[in-house]
Amino acid sequence: ATCGIAAGARPVLNTLVEEVNKAGLDSKVTVSQTGCIGICQ
């Protein structure tokens, strides 16, 4: 959500996707995004 993106969630998401693929875990792990989780702080 806006709060997550402002806090730096995009590089976290990109890193998770890249590292899951590098580790060969793509058949075991699904990475996705969602909106607000509710703990903005």
Full PDB file with SEQRES, HELIX, SHEET, SSBOND, CRYST1, ORIGX, SCALE, CONECT and MASTER records, all heavy atoms in Angstrom:
SEQRES   1 A   41  ALA THR CYS GLY ILE ALA ALA GLY ALA ARG PRO VAL LEU          
SEQRES   2 A   41  ASN THR LEU VAL GLU GLU VAL ASN LYS ALA GLY LEU ASP          
SEQRES   3 A   41  SER LYS VAL THR VAL SER GLN THR GLY CYS ILE GLY ILE          
SEQRES   4 A   41  CYS GLN                                                      
HELIX    1 AA1 THR A    2  ALA A    7  1                                   6    
HELIX    2 AA2 ALA A    9  LYS A   22  1                                  14    
CRYST1    1.000    1.000    1.000  90.00  90.00  90.00 P 1           1          
ORIGX1      1.000000  0.000000  0.000000        0.00000                         
ORIGX2      0.000000  1.000000  0.000000        0.00000                         
ORIGX3      0.000000  0.000000  1.000000        0.00000                         
SCALE1      1.000000  0.000000  0.000000        0.00000                         
SCALE2      0.000000  1.000000  0.000000        0.00000                         
SCALE3      0.000000  0.000000  1.000000        0.00000                         
ATOM      1  N   ALA A   1       0.864  -1.178   0.000  1.00  0.00           N  
ATOM      2  CA  ALA A   1       0.000   0.000   0.000  1.00  0.00           C  
ATOM      3  C   ALA A   1       0.905   1.233   0.000  1.00  0.00           C  
ATOM      4  O   ALA A   1       2.130   1.119   0.028  1.00  0.00           O  
ATOM      5  CB  ALA A   1      -0.912  -0.012   1.226  1.00  0.00           C  
ATOM      6  N   THR A   2       0.314   2.402  -0.023  1.00  0.00           N  
ATOM      7  CA  THR A   2       1.098   3.637  -0.065  1.00  0.00           C  
ATOM      8  C   THR A   2       2.103   3.704   1.075  1.00  0.00           C  
ATOM      9  O   THR A   2       3.265   4.071   0.872  1.00  0.00           O  
ATOM     10  CB  THR A   2       0.158   4.860  -0.008  1.00  0.00           C  
ATOM     11  OG1 THR A   2      -0.799   4.739  -1.054  1.00  0.00           O  
ATOM     12  CG2 THR A   2       0.932   6.148  -0.163  1.00  0.00           C  
ATOM     13  N   CYS A   3       1.684   3.318   2.269  1.00  0.00           N  
ATOM     14  CA  CYS A   3       2.587   3.367   3.431  1.00  0.00           C  
ATOM     15  C   CYS A   3       3.770   2.422   3.254  1.00  0.00           C  
ATOM     16  O   CYS A   3       4.908   2.758   3.577  1.00  0.00           O  
ATOM     17  CB  CYS A   3       1.833   3.054   4.720  1.00  0.00           C  
ATOM     18  SG  CYS A   3       0.901   1.503   4.674  1.00  0.00           S  
ATOM     19  N   GLY A   4       3.527   1.234   2.722  1.00  0.00           N  
ATOM     20  CA  GLY A   4       4.594   0.269   2.501  1.00  0.00           C  
ATOM     21  C   GLY A   4       5.568   0.722   1.437  1.00  0.00           C  
ATOM     22  O   GLY A   4       6.786   0.628   1.602  1.00  0.00           O  
ATOM     23  N   ILE A   5       5.036   1.232   0.340  1.00  0.00           N  
ATOM     24  CA  ILE A   5       5.891   1.716  -0.739  1.00  0.00           C  
ATOM     25  C   ILE A   5       6.748   2.883  -0.255  1.00  0.00           C  
ATOM     26  O   ILE A   5       7.951   2.932  -0.514  1.00  0.00           O  
ATOM     27  CB  ILE A   5       5.053   2.108  -1.973  1.00  0.00           C  
ATOM     28  CG1 ILE A   5       4.407   0.851  -2.577  1.00  0.00           C  
ATOM     29  CG2 ILE A   5       5.905   2.835  -3.004  1.00  0.00           C  
ATOM     30  CD1 ILE A   5       3.351   1.135  -3.625  1.00  0.00           C  
ATOM     31  N   ALA A   6       6.141   3.807   0.480  1.00  0.00           N  
ATOM     32  CA  ALA A   6       6.880   4.960   1.004  1.00  0.00           C  
ATOM     33  C   ALA A   6       7.985   4.532   1.964  1.00  0.00           C  
ATOM     34  O   ALA A   6       9.032   5.172   2.047  1.00  0.00           O  
ATOM     35  CB  ALA A   6       5.925   5.927   1.698  1.00  0.00           C  
ATOM     36  N   ALA A   7       7.767   3.425   2.674  1.00  0.00           N  
ATOM     37  CA  ALA A   7       8.754   2.932   3.644  1.00  0.00           C  
ATOM     38  C   ALA A   7       9.831   2.066   2.995  1.00  0.00           C  
ATOM     39  O   ALA A   7      10.784   1.666   3.663  1.00  0.00           O  
ATOM     40  CB  ALA A   7       8.043   2.151   4.750  1.00  0.00           C  
ATOM     41  N   GLY A   8       9.681   1.732   1.697  1.00  0.00           N  
ATOM     42  CA  GLY A   8      10.711   0.953   1.010  1.00  0.00           C  
ATOM     43  C   GLY A   8      10.336  -0.472   0.674  1.00  0.00           C  
ATOM     44  O   GLY A   8      11.211  -1.327   0.524  1.00  0.00           O  
ATOM     45  N   ALA A   9       9.052  -0.768   0.512  1.00  0.00           N  
ATOM     46  CA  ALA A   9       8.616  -2.139   0.238  1.00  0.00           C  
ATOM     47  C   ALA A   9       8.992  -2.626  -1.165  1.00  0.00           C  
ATOM     48  O   ALA A   9       9.191  -3.818  -1.364  1.00  0.00           O  
ATOM     49  CB  ALA A   9       7.107  -2.265   0.437  1.00  0.00           C  
ATOM     50  N   ARG A  10       9.105  -1.710  -2.131  1.00  0.00           N  
ATOM     51  CA  ARG A  10       9.392  -2.148  -3.503  1.00  0.00           C  
ATOM     52  C   ARG A  10      10.731  -2.877  -3.611  1.00  0.00           C  
ATOM     53  O   ARG A  10      10.806  -3.964  -4.181  1.00  0.00           O  
ATOM     54  CB  ARG A  10       9.313  -0.972  -4.478  1.00  0.00           C  
ATOM     55  CG  ARG A  10       9.313  -1.416  -5.925  1.00  0.00           C  
ATOM     56  CD  ARG A  10       8.988  -0.300  -6.889  1.00  0.00           C  
ATOM     57  NE  ARG A  10       7.821   0.493  -6.579  1.00  0.00           N  
ATOM     58  CZ  ARG A  10       6.554   0.133  -6.820  1.00  0.00           C  
ATOM     59  NH1 ARG A  10       6.310  -1.025  -7.373  1.00  0.00           N  
ATOM     60  NH2 ARG A  10       5.559   0.928  -6.511  1.00  0.00           N  
ATOM     61  N   PRO A  11      11.838  -2.340  -3.047  1.00  0.00           N  
ATOM     62  CA  PRO A  11      13.101  -3.083  -3.101  1.00  0.00           C  
ATOM     63  C   PRO A  11      13.030  -4.416  -2.338  1.00  0.00           C  
ATOM     64  O   PRO A  11      13.679  -5.386  -2.727  1.00  0.00           O  
ATOM     65  CB  PRO A  11      14.121  -2.146  -2.456  1.00  0.00           C  
ATOM     66  CG  PRO A  11      13.509  -0.792  -2.494  1.00  0.00           C  
ATOM     67  CD  PRO A  11      12.030  -0.992  -2.510  1.00  0.00           C  
ATOM     68  N   VAL A  12      12.229  -4.455  -1.285  1.00  0.00           N  
ATOM     69  CA  VAL A  12      12.051  -5.702  -0.525  1.00  0.00           C  
ATOM     70  C   VAL A  12      11.368  -6.738  -1.406  1.00  0.00           C  
ATOM     71  O   VAL A  12      11.822  -7.888  -1.500  1.00  0.00           O  
ATOM     72  CB  VAL A  12      11.247  -5.446   0.769  1.00  0.00           C  
ATOM     73  CG1 VAL A  12      10.886  -6.761   1.455  1.00  0.00           C  
ATOM     74  CG2 VAL A  12      12.031  -4.547   1.717  1.00  0.00           C  
ATOM     75  N   LEU A  13      10.298  -6.347  -2.076  1.00  0.00           N  
ATOM     76  CA  LEU A  13       9.582  -7.254  -2.972  1.00  0.00           C  
ATOM     77  C   LEU A  13      10.496  -7.743  -4.089  1.00  0.00           C  
ATOM     78  O   LEU A  13      10.565  -8.947  -4.357  1.00  0.00           O  
ATOM     79  CB  LEU A  13       8.357  -6.547  -3.559  1.00  0.00           C  
ATOM     80  CG  LEU A  13       7.548  -7.336  -4.587  1.00  0.00           C  
ATOM     81  CD1 LEU A  13       6.872  -8.534  -3.950  1.00  0.00           C  
ATOM     82  CD2 LEU A  13       6.531  -6.436  -5.260  1.00  0.00           C  
ATOM     83  N   ASN A  14      11.199  -6.821  -4.728  1.00  0.00           N  
ATOM     84  CA  ASN A  14      12.097  -7.197  -5.825  1.00  0.00           C  
ATOM     85  C   ASN A  14      13.182  -8.165  -5.348  1.00  0.00           C  
ATOM     86  O   ASN A  14      13.494  -9.142  -6.026  1.00  0.00           O  
ATOM     87  CB  ASN A  14      12.740  -5.958  -6.444  1.00  0.00           C  
ATOM     88  CG  ASN A  14      11.742  -5.099  -7.189  1.00  0.00           C  
ATOM     89  OD1 ASN A  14      10.672  -5.559  -7.582  1.00  0.00           O  
ATOM     90  ND2 ASN A  14      12.066  -3.836  -7.363  1.00  0.00           N  
ATOM     91  N   THR A  15      13.753  -7.899  -4.182  1.00  0.00           N  
ATOM     92  CA  THR A  15      14.793  -8.775  -3.634  1.00  0.00           C  
ATOM     93  C   THR A  15      14.240 -10.160  -3.335  1.00  0.00           C  
ATOM     94  O   THR A  15      14.887 -11.167  -3.637  1.00  0.00           O  
ATOM     95  CB  THR A  15      15.413  -8.157  -2.370  1.00  0.00           C  
ATOM     96  OG1 THR A  15      16.004  -6.899  -2.724  1.00  0.00           O  
ATOM     97  CG2 THR A  15      16.450  -9.063  -1.760  1.00  0.00           C  
ATOM     98  N   LEU A  16      13.057 -10.225  -2.746  1.00  0.00           N  
ATOM     99  CA  LEU A  16      12.452 -11.527  -2.447  1.00  0.00           C  
ATOM    100  C   LEU A  16      12.257 -12.339  -3.722  1.00  0.00           C  
ATOM    101  O   LEU A  16      12.597 -13.527  -3.771  1.00  0.00           O  
ATOM    102  CB  LEU A  16      11.122 -11.354  -1.716  1.00  0.00           C  
ATOM    103  CG  LEU A  16      11.214 -10.929  -0.262  1.00  0.00           C  
ATOM    104  CD1 LEU A  16       9.851 -10.490   0.262  1.00  0.00           C  
ATOM    105  CD2 LEU A  16      11.765 -12.059   0.597  1.00  0.00           C  
ATOM    106  N   VAL A  17      11.720 -11.714  -4.755  1.00  0.00           N  
ATOM    107  CA  VAL A  17      11.487 -12.419  -6.020  1.00  0.00           C  
ATOM    108  C   VAL A  17      12.808 -12.912  -6.603  1.00  0.00           C  
ATOM    109  O   VAL A  17      12.934 -14.080  -6.992  1.00  0.00           O  
ATOM    110  CB  VAL A  17      10.742 -11.513  -7.028  1.00  0.00           C  
ATOM    111  CG1 VAL A  17      10.707 -12.148  -8.415  1.00  0.00           C  
ATOM    112  CG2 VAL A  17       9.336 -11.230  -6.539  1.00  0.00           C  
ATOM    113  N   GLU A  18      13.798 -12.034  -6.656  1.00  0.00           N  
ATOM    114  CA  GLU A  18      15.092 -12.401  -7.226  1.00  0.00           C  
ATOM    115  C   GLU A  18      15.771 -13.516  -6.435  1.00  0.00           C  
ATOM    116  O   GLU A  18      16.295 -14.471  -7.015  1.00  0.00           O  
ATOM    117  CB  GLU A  18      16.004 -11.178  -7.279  1.00  0.00           C  
ATOM    118  CG  GLU A  18      15.578 -10.153  -8.306  1.00  0.00           C  
ATOM    119  CD  GLU A  18      16.310  -8.822  -8.190  1.00  0.00           C  
ATOM    120  OE1 GLU A  18      17.290  -8.737  -7.415  1.00  0.00           O  
ATOM    121  OE2 GLU A  18      15.893  -7.866  -8.871  1.00  0.00           O  
ATOM    122  N   GLU A  19      15.765 -13.406  -5.116  1.00  0.00           N  
ATOM    123  CA  GLU A  19      16.445 -14.394  -4.284  1.00  0.00           C  
ATOM    124  C   GLU A  19      15.727 -15.745  -4.295  1.00  0.00           C  
ATOM    125  O   GLU A  19      16.379 -16.789  -4.264  1.00  0.00           O  
ATOM    126  CB  GLU A  19      16.601 -13.875  -2.848  1.00  0.00           C  
ATOM    127  CG  GLU A  19      17.522 -12.684  -2.720  1.00  0.00           C  
ATOM    128  CD  GLU A  19      18.950 -12.973  -3.162  1.00  0.00           C  
ATOM    129  OE1 GLU A  19      19.497 -14.023  -2.783  1.00  0.00           O  
ATOM    130  OE2 GLU A  19      19.516 -12.134  -3.902  1.00  0.00           O  
ATOM    131  N   VAL A  20      14.401 -15.737  -4.332  1.00  0.00           N  
ATOM    132  CA  VAL A  20      13.648 -16.994  -4.431  1.00  0.00           C  
ATOM    133  C   VAL A  20      14.008 -17.695  -5.736  1.00  0.00           C  
ATOM    134  O   VAL A  20      14.242 -18.901  -5.766  1.00  0.00           O  
ATOM    135  CB  VAL A  20      12.124 -16.741  -4.321  1.00  0.00           C  
ATOM    136  CG1 VAL A  20      11.319 -17.930  -4.837  1.00  0.00           C  
ATOM    137  CG2 VAL A  20      11.745 -16.430  -2.879  1.00  0.00           C  
ATOM    138  N   ASN A  21      14.081 -16.937  -6.820  1.00  0.00           N  
ATOM    139  CA  ASN A  21      14.449 -17.524  -8.115  1.00  0.00           C  
ATOM    140  C   ASN A  21      15.891 -18.021  -8.110  1.00  0.00           C  
ATOM    141  O   ASN A  21      16.166 -19.116  -8.598  1.00  0.00           O  
ATOM    142  CB  ASN A  21      14.230 -16.514  -9.241  1.00  0.00           C  
ATOM    143  CG  ASN A  21      12.769 -16.349  -9.578  1.00  0.00           C  
ATOM    144  OD1 ASN A  21      11.996 -17.292  -9.527  1.00  0.00           O  
ATOM    145  ND2 ASN A  21      12.377 -15.134  -9.894  1.00  0.00           N  
ATOM    146  N   LYS A  22      16.820 -17.222  -7.566  1.00  0.00           N  
ATOM    147  CA  LYS A  22      18.235 -17.635  -7.503  1.00  0.00           C  
ATOM    148  C   LYS A  22      18.411 -18.914  -6.702  1.00  0.00           C  
ATOM    149  O   LYS A  22      19.244 -19.751  -7.032  1.00  0.00           O  
ATOM    150  CB  LYS A  22      19.081 -16.543  -6.841  1.00  0.00           C  
ATOM    151  CG  LYS A  22      19.496 -15.435  -7.732  1.00  0.00           C  
ATOM    152  CD  LYS A  22      20.447 -14.512  -6.951  1.00  0.00           C  
ATOM    153  CE  LYS A  22      20.530 -13.144  -7.549  1.00  0.00           C  
ATOM    154  NZ  LYS A  22      21.315 -12.220  -6.714  1.00  0.00           N  
ATOM    155  N   ALA A  23      17.641 -19.031  -5.620  1.00  0.00           N  
ATOM    156  CA  ALA A  23      17.756 -20.201  -4.745  1.00  0.00           C  
ATOM    157  C   ALA A  23      17.042 -21.422  -5.311  1.00  0.00           C  
ATOM    158  O   ALA A  23      17.102 -22.503  -4.724  1.00  0.00           O  
ATOM    159  CB  ALA A  23      17.211 -19.864  -3.357  1.00  0.00           C  
ATOM    160  N   GLY A  24      16.347 -21.259  -6.424  1.00  0.00           N  
ATOM    161  CA  GLY A  24      15.627 -22.387  -7.026  1.00  0.00           C  
ATOM    162  C   GLY A  24      14.395 -22.782  -6.248  1.00  0.00           C  
ATOM    163  O   GLY A  24      13.953 -23.932  -6.311  1.00  0.00           O  
ATOM    164  N   LEU A  25      13.818 -21.836  -5.520  1.00  0.00           N  
ATOM    165  CA  LEU A  25      12.650 -22.119  -4.690  1.00  0.00           C  
ATOM    166  C   LEU A  25      11.337 -21.741  -5.362  1.00  0.00           C  
ATOM    167  O   LEU A  25      10.285 -21.811  -4.735  1.00  0.00           O  
ATOM    168  CB  LEU A  25      12.757 -21.349  -3.361  1.00  0.00           C  
ATOM    169  CG  LEU A  25      13.942 -21.682  -2.469  1.00  0.00           C  
ATOM    170  CD1 LEU A  25      14.010 -20.711  -1.291  1.00  0.00           C  
ATOM    171  CD2 LEU A  25      13.847 -23.113  -1.975  1.00  0.00           C  
ATOM    172  N   ASP A  26      11.386 -21.350  -6.635  1.00  0.00           N  
ATOM    173  CA  ASP A  26      10.204 -20.830  -7.299  1.00  0.00           C  
ATOM    174  C   ASP A  26       9.058 -21.836  -7.412  1.00  0.00           C  
ATOM    175  O   ASP A  26       7.903 -21.440  -7.523  1.00  0.00           O  
ATOM    176  CB  ASP A  26      10.546 -20.232  -8.668  1.00  0.00           C  
ATOM    177  CG  ASP A  26      11.347 -21.168  -9.544  1.00  0.00           C  
ATOM    178  OD1 ASP A  26      12.176 -21.920  -9.017  1.00  0.00           O  
ATOM    179  OD2 ASP A  26      11.135 -21.135 -10.770  1.00  0.00           O  
ATOM    180  N   SER A  27       9.329 -23.121  -7.329  1.00  0.00           N  
ATOM    181  CA  SER A  27       8.245 -24.103  -7.353  1.00  0.00           C  
ATOM    182  C   SER A  27       7.671 -24.337  -5.960  1.00  0.00           C  
ATOM    183  O   SER A  27       6.566 -24.844  -5.820  1.00  0.00           O  
ATOM    184  CB  SER A  27       8.731 -25.429  -7.937  1.00  0.00           C  
ATOM    185  OG  SER A  27       9.729 -25.994  -7.107  1.00  0.00           O  
ATOM    186  N   LYS A  28       8.400 -23.928  -4.939  1.00  0.00           N  
ATOM    187  CA  LYS A  28       7.994 -24.132  -3.546  1.00  0.00           C  
ATOM    188  C   LYS A  28       7.423 -22.863  -2.913  1.00  0.00           C  
ATOM    189  O   LYS A  28       6.586 -22.919  -2.024  1.00  0.00           O  
ATOM    190  CB  LYS A  28       9.216 -24.602  -2.749  1.00  0.00           C  
ATOM    191  CG  LYS A  28       8.971 -24.855  -1.293  1.00  0.00           C  
ATOM    192  CD  LYS A  28      10.252 -25.297  -0.601  1.00  0.00           C  
ATOM    193  CE  LYS A  28      10.034 -25.428   0.890  1.00  0.00           C  
ATOM    194  NZ  LYS A  28      11.254 -25.722   1.612  1.00  0.00           N  
ATOM    195  N   VAL A  29       7.892 -21.704  -3.378  1.00  0.00           N  
ATOM    196  CA  VAL A  29       7.532 -20.427  -2.757  1.00  0.00           C  
ATOM    197  C   VAL A  29       6.842 -19.527  -3.774  1.00  0.00           C  
ATOM    198  O   VAL A  29       7.330 -19.345  -4.877  1.00  0.00           O  
ATOM    199  CB  VAL A  29       8.796 -19.714  -2.219  1.00  0.00           C  
ATOM    200  CG1 VAL A  29       8.444 -18.356  -1.629  1.00  0.00           C  
ATOM    201  CG2 VAL A  29       9.512 -20.580  -1.192  1.00  0.00           C  
ATOM    202  N   THR A  30       5.707 -18.960  -3.374  1.00  0.00           N  
ATOM    203  CA  THR A  30       4.994 -17.980  -4.177  1.00  0.00           C  
ATOM    204  C   THR A  30       5.147 -16.624  -3.512  1.00  0.00           C  
ATOM    205  O   THR A  30       4.847 -16.474  -2.331  1.00  0.00           O  
ATOM    206  CB  THR A  30       3.500 -18.337  -4.275  1.00  0.00           C  
ATOM    207  OG1 THR A  30       3.379 -19.630  -4.851  1.00  0.00           O  
ATOM    208  CG2 THR A  30       2.757 -17.329  -5.126  1.00  0.00           C  
ATOM    209  N   VAL A  31       5.637 -15.627  -4.262  1.00  0.00           N  
ATOM    210  CA  VAL A  31       5.803 -14.273  -3.746  1.00  0.00           C  
ATOM    211  C   VAL A  31       4.751 -13.394  -4.406  1.00  0.00           C  
ATOM    212  O   VAL A  31       4.602 -13.417  -5.625  1.00  0.00           O  
ATOM    213  CB  VAL A  31       7.209 -13.718  -4.059  1.00  0.00           C  
ATOM    214  CG1 VAL A  31       7.354 -12.298  -3.531  1.00  0.00           C  
ATOM    215  CG2 VAL A  31       8.289 -14.615  -3.474  1.00  0.00           C  
ATOM    216  N   SER A  32       4.018 -12.630  -3.587  1.00  0.00           N  
ATOM    217  CA  SER A  32       3.013 -11.736  -4.146  1.00  0.00           C  
ATOM    218  C   SER A  32       2.941 -10.466  -3.314  1.00  0.00           C  
ATOM    219  O   SER A  32       3.611 -10.339  -2.289  1.00  0.00           O  
ATOM    220  CB  SER A  32       1.646 -12.424  -4.208  1.00  0.00           C  
ATOM    221  OG  SER A  32       1.201 -12.759  -2.922  1.00  0.00           O  
ATOM    222  N   GLN A  33       2.127  -9.543  -3.771  1.00  0.00           N  
ATOM    223  CA  GLN A  33       1.961  -8.295  -3.048  1.00  0.00           C  
ATOM    224  C   GLN A  33       0.514  -8.141  -2.641  1.00  0.00           C  
ATOM    225  O   GLN A  33      -0.370  -8.756  -3.222  1.00  0.00           O  
ATOM    226  CB  GLN A  33       2.421  -7.125  -3.902  1.00  0.00           C  
ATOM    227  CG  GLN A  33       1.662  -6.945  -5.186  1.00  0.00           C  
ATOM    228  CD  GLN A  33       2.281  -5.875  -6.065  1.00  0.00           C  
ATOM    229  OE1 GLN A  33       3.485  -5.721  -6.108  1.00  0.00           O  
ATOM    230  NE2 GLN A  33       1.447  -5.139  -6.774  1.00  0.00           N  
ATOM    231  N   THR A  34       0.285  -7.316  -1.635  1.00  0.00           N  
ATOM    232  CA  THR A  34      -1.062  -7.039  -1.166  1.00  0.00           C  
ATOM    233  C   THR A  34      -1.151  -5.570  -0.814  1.00  0.00           C  
ATOM    234  O   THR A  34      -0.145  -4.858  -0.833  1.00  0.00           O  
ATOM    235  CB  THR A  34      -1.416  -7.937   0.043  1.00  0.00           C  
ATOM    236  OG1 THR A  34      -2.810  -7.817   0.327  1.00  0.00           O  
ATOM    237  CG2 THR A  34      -0.602  -7.587   1.270  1.00  0.00           C  
ATOM    238  N   GLY A  35      -2.309  -5.147  -0.450  1.00  0.00           N  
ATOM    239  CA  GLY A  35      -2.512  -3.769  -0.020  1.00  0.00           C  
ATOM    240  C   GLY A  35      -2.102  -3.608   1.432  1.00  0.00           C  
ATOM    241  O   GLY A  35      -1.193  -4.269   1.917  1.00  0.00           O  
ATOM    242  N   CYS A  36      -2.821  -2.772   2.128  1.00  0.00           N  
ATOM    243  CA  CYS A  36      -2.481  -2.455   3.516  1.00  0.00           C  
ATOM    244  C   CYS A  36      -2.672  -3.663   4.422  1.00  0.00           C  
ATOM    245  O   CYS A  36      -3.717  -4.301   4.414  1.00  0.00           O  
ATOM    246  CB  CYS A  36      -3.345  -1.301   4.006  1.00  0.00           C  
ATOM    247  SG  CYS A  36      -2.907  -0.749   5.659  1.00  0.00           S  
ATOM    248  N   ILE A  37      -1.663  -3.954   5.203  1.00  0.00           N  
ATOM    249  CA  ILE A  37      -1.725  -5.056   6.164  1.00  0.00           C  
ATOM    250  C   ILE A  37      -2.271  -4.554   7.502  1.00  0.00           C  
ATOM    251  O   ILE A  37      -2.794  -5.308   8.297  1.00  0.00           O  
ATOM    252  CB  ILE A  37      -0.338  -5.726   6.302  1.00  0.00           C  
ATOM    253  CG1 ILE A  37       0.013  -6.421   4.978  1.00  0.00           C  
ATOM    254  CG2 ILE A  37      -0.310  -6.724   7.463  1.00  0.00           C  
ATOM    255  CD1 ILE A  37       1.390  -7.032   4.924  1.00  0.00           C  
ATOM    256  N   GLY A  38      -2.165  -3.250   7.740  1.00  0.00           N  
ATOM    257  CA  GLY A  38      -2.776  -2.649   8.919  1.00  0.00           C  
ATOM    258  C   GLY A  38      -1.831  -2.292  10.044  1.00  0.00           C  
ATOM    259  O   GLY A  38      -2.265  -1.894  11.116  1.00  0.00           O  
ATOM    260  N   ILE A  39      -0.537  -2.456   9.825  1.00  0.00           N  
ATOM    261  CA  ILE A  39       0.438  -2.093  10.862  1.00  0.00           C  
ATOM    262  C   ILE A  39       1.485  -1.153  10.257  1.00  0.00           C  
ATOM    263  O   ILE A  39       2.664  -1.446  10.198  1.00  0.00           O  
ATOM    264  CB  ILE A  39       1.079  -3.343  11.497  1.00  0.00           C  
ATOM    265  CG1 ILE A  39       1.587  -4.310  10.427  1.00  0.00           C  
ATOM    266  CG2 ILE A  39       0.103  -4.044  12.433  1.00  0.00           C  
ATOM    267  CD1 ILE A  39       2.347  -5.518  10.975  1.00  0.00           C  
ATOM    268  N   CYS A  40       0.987   0.001   9.835  1.00  0.00           N  
ATOM    269  CA  CYS A  40       1.802   0.952   9.064  1.00  0.00           C  
ATOM    270  C   CYS A  40       3.079   1.368   9.777  1.00  0.00           C  
ATOM    271  O   CYS A  40       4.090   1.623   9.133  1.00  0.00           O  
ATOM    272  CB  CYS A  40       0.978   2.190   8.729  1.00  0.00           C  
ATOM    273  SG  CYS A  40      -0.506   1.811   7.765  1.00  0.00           S  
ATOM    274  N   GLN A  41       3.059   1.436  11.088  1.00  0.00           N  
ATOM    275  CA  GLN A  41       4.249   1.862  11.826  1.00  0.00           C  
ATOM    276  C   GLN A  41       5.393   0.861  11.731  1.00  0.00           C  
ATOM    277  O   GLN A  41       6.525   1.184  12.069  1.00  0.00           O  
ATOM    278  CB  GLN A  41       3.915   2.151  13.299  1.00  0.00           C  
ATOM    279  CG  GLN A  41       3.546   0.941  14.118  1.00  0.00           C  
ATOM    280  CD  GLN A  41       2.066   0.576  14.093  1.00  0.00           C  
ATOM    281  OE1 GLN A  41       1.358   0.866  13.134  1.00  0.00           O  
ATOM    282  NE2 GLN A  41       1.595  -0.066  15.139  1.00  0.00           N  
TER     283      GLN A  41                                                      
MASTER        0    0    0    2    0    0    0    6  282    1    0    4          
END                                                                             
